[in-house]
Protein backbone atom coordinates (compact mmCIF):
# COMPACT_ATOMS: atom_id res chain seq x y z
CA MET A 1 0.00 0.00 0.00
CA LYS A 2 2.84 2.41 0.83
CA PHE A 3 4.48 1.62 -2.50
CA ILE A 4 1.25 2.37 -4.38
CA SER A 5 0.83 5.69 -2.55
CA PHE A 6 4.42 6.66 -3.30
CA PHE A 7 3.97 5.70 -6.96
CA LEU A 8 0.79 7.82 -7.26
CA ILE A 9 2.48 10.84 -5.69
CA LEU A 10 5.47 10.47 -7.99
CA LEU A 11 3.19 10.07 -11.00
CA SER A 12 1.24 13.24 -10.14
CA LEU A 13 4.49 15.22 -9.72
CA PHE A 14 5.80 13.94 -13.02
CA THR A 15 2.54 14.73 -14.81
CA PHE A 16 2.58 18.31 -13.49
CA ALA A 17 6.23 18.58 -14.46
CA ILE A 18 5.41 17.73 -18.07
CA GLU A 19 2.27 19.81 -18.55
CA SER A 20 2.95 23.13 -16.80
CA GLN A 21 3.68 25.63 -19.59
CA THR A 22 3.70 28.50 -17.07
CA LEU A 23 6.90 27.26 -15.44
CA LYS A 24 8.77 27.33 -18.73
CA GLU A 25 7.53 30.84 -19.43
CA ASN A 26 8.72 31.97 -16.01
CA ARG A 27 12.18 30.51 -16.66
CA GLU A 28 12.34 32.40 -19.95
CA LYS A 29 11.12 35.66 -18.41
CA ARG A 30 13.41 35.62 -15.36
CA LYS A 31 16.71 34.25 -16.57
CA LEU A 32 18.98 34.90 -13.57
CA SER A 33 18.46 33.03 -10.29
CA VAL A 34 20.10 33.07 -6.88
CA SER A 35 19.35 30.34 -4.34
CA LEU A 36 20.43 29.01 -0.96
CA GLY A 37 20.43 25.32 -0.27
CA TYR A 38 21.84 22.27 1.43
CA ASN A 39 23.71 19.51 -0.37
CA PHE A 40 24.39 15.95 0.83
CA LEU A 41 26.95 13.57 -0.64
CA THR A 42 26.92 9.95 0.50
CA GLY A 43 29.19 6.96 0.01
CA ASP A 44 32.07 5.62 2.14
CA GLY A 45 32.03 9.16 3.46
CA VAL A 46 29.17 11.51 4.25
CA ASN A 47 29.22 15.27 4.10
CA GLY A 48 26.64 18.02 4.15
CA SER A 49 27.26 21.53 2.90
CA LYS A 50 25.48 24.86 2.80
CA ALA A 51 25.50 26.36 -0.67
CA ILE A 52 24.80 29.59 -2.52
CA SER A 53 24.09 29.08 -6.21
CA LEU A 54 23.84 31.34 -9.23
CA ASP A 55 22.36 30.09 -12.50
CA TYR A 56 21.24 31.50 -15.85
CA SER A 57 18.56 30.31 -18.28
CA ILE A 58 20.01 30.02 -21.78
CA THR A 59 16.56 28.96 -22.95
CA GLY A 60 13.43 27.77 -21.19
CA ASN A 61 14.94 24.26 -21.29
CA PHE A 62 18.58 24.85 -20.29
CA LYS A 63 20.16 26.40 -17.21
CA LEU A 64 23.87 26.80 -16.45
CA GLY A 65 24.98 27.41 -12.90
CA ALA A 66 27.74 27.40 -10.29
CA ALA A 67 27.70 27.04 -6.51
CA ILE A 68 30.02 27.88 -3.63
CA GLN A 69 29.67 25.41 -0.76
CA TYR A 70 30.70 25.38 2.89
CA VAL A 71 30.95 21.93 4.45
CA ASP A 72 29.59 21.94 8.00
CA ARG A 73 29.12 18.20 8.45
CA SER A 74 31.81 15.79 7.34
CA ARG A 75 32.41 12.18 8.21
CA PHE A 76 34.74 10.32 5.88
CA LEU A 77 34.67 6.73 7.02
CA ASN A 78 37.48 5.64 4.72
CA ALA A 79 39.86 7.98 6.51
CA ARG A 80 39.56 5.79 9.60
CA LEU A 81 41.63 3.04 8.09
CA VAL A 82 40.81 -0.63 8.51
CA THR A 83 43.42 -2.01 10.91
CA PRO A 84 43.94 -5.33 12.69
CA LEU A 85 42.62 -3.81 15.92
CA ALA A 86 39.96 -1.17 16.53
CA CYS A 87 40.85 2.36 17.56
CA TYR A 88 39.96 2.51 21.25
CA PRO A 89 40.83 5.44 23.54
CA LEU A 90 43.57 3.40 25.20
CA THR A 91 45.19 2.39 21.91
CA CYS A 92 45.06 5.45 19.67
CA SER A 93 44.04 9.09 19.25
CA GLU A 94 42.73 10.99 16.20
CA TYR A 95 43.47 14.49 14.94
CA GLN A 96 41.28 15.81 12.13
CA LYS A 97 41.62 18.75 9.75
CA LEU A 98 39.13 19.89 7.13
CA ASN A 99 39.16 22.64 4.51
CA PRO A 100 35.40 23.36 4.33
CA TRP A 101 35.26 25.42 1.11
CA THR A 102 34.20 23.56 -2.03
CA GLY A 103 32.17 24.25 -5.14
CA LYS A 104 30.56 22.84 -8.26
CA VAL A 105 29.33 23.76 -11.74
CA TYR A 106 26.18 22.26 -13.19
CA VAL A 107 23.73 22.23 -16.08
CA ASN A 108 19.99 21.61 -15.75
CA TYR A 109 18.00 20.35 -18.74
CA PHE A 110 14.20 20.59 -18.71
CA PRO A 111 12.98 18.10 -21.36
CA PHE A 112 9.38 19.26 -20.91
CA SER A 113 7.70 22.56 -20.16
CA GLY A 114 7.18 21.83 -16.47
CA SER A 115 9.34 21.44 -13.37
CA PHE A 116 11.04 18.11 -14.08
CA TYR A 117 14.70 18.32 -15.07
CA LEU A 118 17.90 16.34 -15.56
CA VAL A 119 21.10 17.54 -13.91
CA ALA A 120 24.80 16.99 -14.61
CA ALA A 121 27.47 18.47 -12.33
CA ILE A 122 31.19 18.43 -11.59
CA GLY A 123 32.22 19.36 -8.05
CA LYS A 124 35.16 19.42 -5.68
CA LEU A 125 35.33 17.37 -2.50
CA PRO A 126 36.69 18.99 0.68
CA ASP A 127 40.38 18.57 1.43
CA THR A 128 40.79 16.42 4.55
CA SER A 129 43.58 15.15 6.76
CA ILE A 130 43.04 12.59 9.51
CA GLU A 131 45.99 11.56 11.65
CA THR A 132 45.83 8.51 13.91
CA VAL A 133 48.43 7.96 16.63
CA TYR A 134 48.63 4.24 17.46
CA THR A 135 50.13 2.95 20.67
CA PHE A 136 49.84 -0.81 20.24
CA ASN A 137 51.82 -3.60 18.62
CA PRO A 138 49.70 -4.90 15.70
CA ASN A 139 51.59 -8.21 15.74
CA ASP A 140 50.71 -9.04 19.34
CA ILE A 141 47.15 -9.03 20.70
CA ASN A 142 48.60 -9.13 24.24
CA SER A 143 50.05 -5.65 23.69
CA LEU A 144 46.62 -4.22 24.54
CA ILE A 145 47.39 -5.08 28.16
CA LEU A 146 48.70 -1.88 29.71
CA SER A 147 51.59 -3.65 31.43
CA LYS A 148 53.08 -4.56 28.03
CA PRO A 149 55.36 -2.10 26.15
CA ARG A 150 53.60 -0.81 23.03
CA PRO A 151 55.10 1.03 20.02
CA ALA A 152 54.00 4.60 19.25
CA VAL A 153 53.01 4.52 15.57
CA SER A 154 51.08 7.17 13.60
CA ASN A 155 49.47 7.32 10.18
CA THR A 156 48.06 10.23 8.22
CA ILE A 157 45.72 9.93 5.26
CA THR A 158 44.95 13.01 3.17
CA THR A 159 42.49 13.69 0.35
CA ASN A 160 43.44 16.74 -1.69
CA ASN A 161 42.04 18.10 -4.95
CA ASN A 162 39.51 15.29 -5.35
CA TYR A 163 36.64 15.90 -7.78
CA TYR A 164 33.40 14.08 -8.52
CA ALA A 165 30.82 13.87 -11.31
CA ASN A 166 27.10 13.81 -10.59
CA LEU A 167 24.13 12.75 -12.76
CA GLY A 168 20.54 12.90 -11.54
CA PHE A 169 17.08 14.36 -11.86
CA GLY A 170 14.80 16.63 -9.90
CA TRP A 171 11.95 19.11 -9.77
CA ARG A 172 12.10 22.90 -9.76
CA TRP A 173 9.19 25.31 -9.43
CA ASP A 174 9.66 28.90 -10.67
CA PHE A 175 6.62 30.83 -9.43
CA ASP A 176 5.03 33.94 -10.93
CA ASN A 177 6.31 36.16 -8.10
CA GLY A 178 9.94 35.20 -8.78
CA LEU A 179 10.38 32.74 -5.93
CA LEU A 180 11.76 29.31 -6.70
CA LEU A 181 11.90 25.96 -4.91
CA GLY A 182 13.53 22.73 -5.97
CA PHE A 183 15.41 19.55 -5.20
CA ASP A 184 17.36 16.90 -7.11
CA PHE A 185 19.13 13.64 -6.36
CA GLY A 186 21.18 11.11 -8.26
CA LEU A 187 24.42 9.17 -8.56
CA ALA A 188 27.91 10.54 -7.95
CA LYS A 189 31.38 9.17 -8.57
CA GLU A 190 34.92 10.36 -7.97
CA ILE A 191 36.69 11.20 -11.22
CA ASN A 192 40.22 11.49 -9.78
CA LYS A 193 40.71 9.37 -6.70
CA LYS A 194 43.70 10.79 -4.89
CA ARG A 195 44.93 9.58 -1.49
CA ASN A 196 48.18 10.09 0.34
CA LEU A 197 48.98 7.68 3.16
CA TYR A 198 51.93 8.00 5.55
CA PHE A 199 53.18 5.84 8.45
CA TYR A 200 55.81 6.94 10.96
CA GLY A 201 56.93 6.75 14.56
CA ASP A 202 55.50 9.43 16.81
CA ALA A 203 56.91 10.70 20.10
CA ARG A 204 53.42 11.69 21.28
CA GLY A 205 52.76 8.03 21.97
CA LEU A 206 55.94 7.53 23.98
CA VAL A 207 54.30 7.31 27.38
CA GLU A 208 55.31 4.52 29.77
CA PRO A 209 55.26 1.62 29.08
CA ASN A 210 55.21 2.43 25.35
CA ARG A 211 58.30 2.05 23.19
CA ALA A 212 59.62 3.44 19.91
CA PRO A 213 58.26 1.46 16.94
CA GLY A 214 60.34 -0.93 14.92
CA LEU A 215 60.35 -1.20 11.15
CA ASN A 216 58.19 -4.34 11.31
CA ASP A 217 55.44 -2.44 13.16
CA ILE A 218 55.24 0.25 10.47
CA LEU A 219 55.49 -2.16 7.51
CA TYR A 220 52.77 -4.39 8.93
CA LEU A 221 50.28 -1.53 9.34
CA GLN A 222 51.16 -0.11 5.95
CA SER A 223 50.64 -3.38 4.08
CA PHE A 224 47.36 -4.03 5.89
CA THR A 225 45.74 -0.66 5.32
CA TYR A 226 47.08 0.76 2.07
CA ASN A 227 44.91 -1.18 -0.36
CA SER A 228 41.76 -0.78 1.72
CA SER A 229 42.15 3.01 1.81
CA LEU A 230 42.62 3.33 -1.96
CA ALA A 231 39.72 1.00 -2.74
CA SER A 232 37.17 3.14 -0.95
CA ASN A 233 34.83 5.62 -2.67
CA LEU A 234 34.11 8.90 -0.94
CA VAL A 235 30.88 9.53 -2.84
CA SER A 236 28.19 7.43 -4.55
CA GLY A 237 25.01 9.53 -4.25
CA SER A 238 23.78 13.10 -3.88
CA LEU A 239 20.77 15.07 -2.64
CA ASN A 240 20.35 18.80 -3.17
CA ILE A 241 17.54 20.95 -1.69
CA TYR A 242 17.29 24.69 -2.40
CA ALA A 243 15.11 27.80 -2.50
CA GLY A 244 15.71 31.28 -3.94
CA ILE A 245 14.58 34.07 -6.20
CA SER A 246 14.72 34.77 -9.95
CA PHE A 247 15.19 38.13 -11.68
């Protein structure tokens, strides 16, 4: 029953999107639009960003636009590398850095006269750096016991200058008074996957009874985690919700 209700609602929205000639006329009359919105990207990581967008109607069927985004919610799961042992407070500490400014360019194509449209976009992911200071011996499960000496090992994974492509569809209503409201969602994929991963000894973990790490400690962690970090995908889907005004 829920599926039928959802299908009927979607069908009514799609029908209105096809048949509303007024919306196309409003897009042609008011070509320039400014909007505020919120954008979600999902995948192995999740981030949400506030955005201000500016777009221009080339015709009643095409819009070109660009957005500046400020990430205020970021959680990149791949940056917490898969390791032989979990990161507990007694075994490691994390230090995170995030450059919150990103952006994207996009084109909206309205195949009909109404609100339904297709969207294609290219955007930038936020630059991140997550450092993990380990204080255990990955070769010895008994090293979790505090009486055992544990090596102080750190790793840092960074994502810099990563971009993604986005394809989807949505609905946008341009009202007679100039106000606009819309949303779109779709698939997203990284188009240049770029990771930097470093392992090293760290004096911050040298608290009794910890010890300086040996080469075997670092090589073991590096071989275990390197492939898993590069195999991850930061984004796989998108959702964009916005409202604004046209001139």
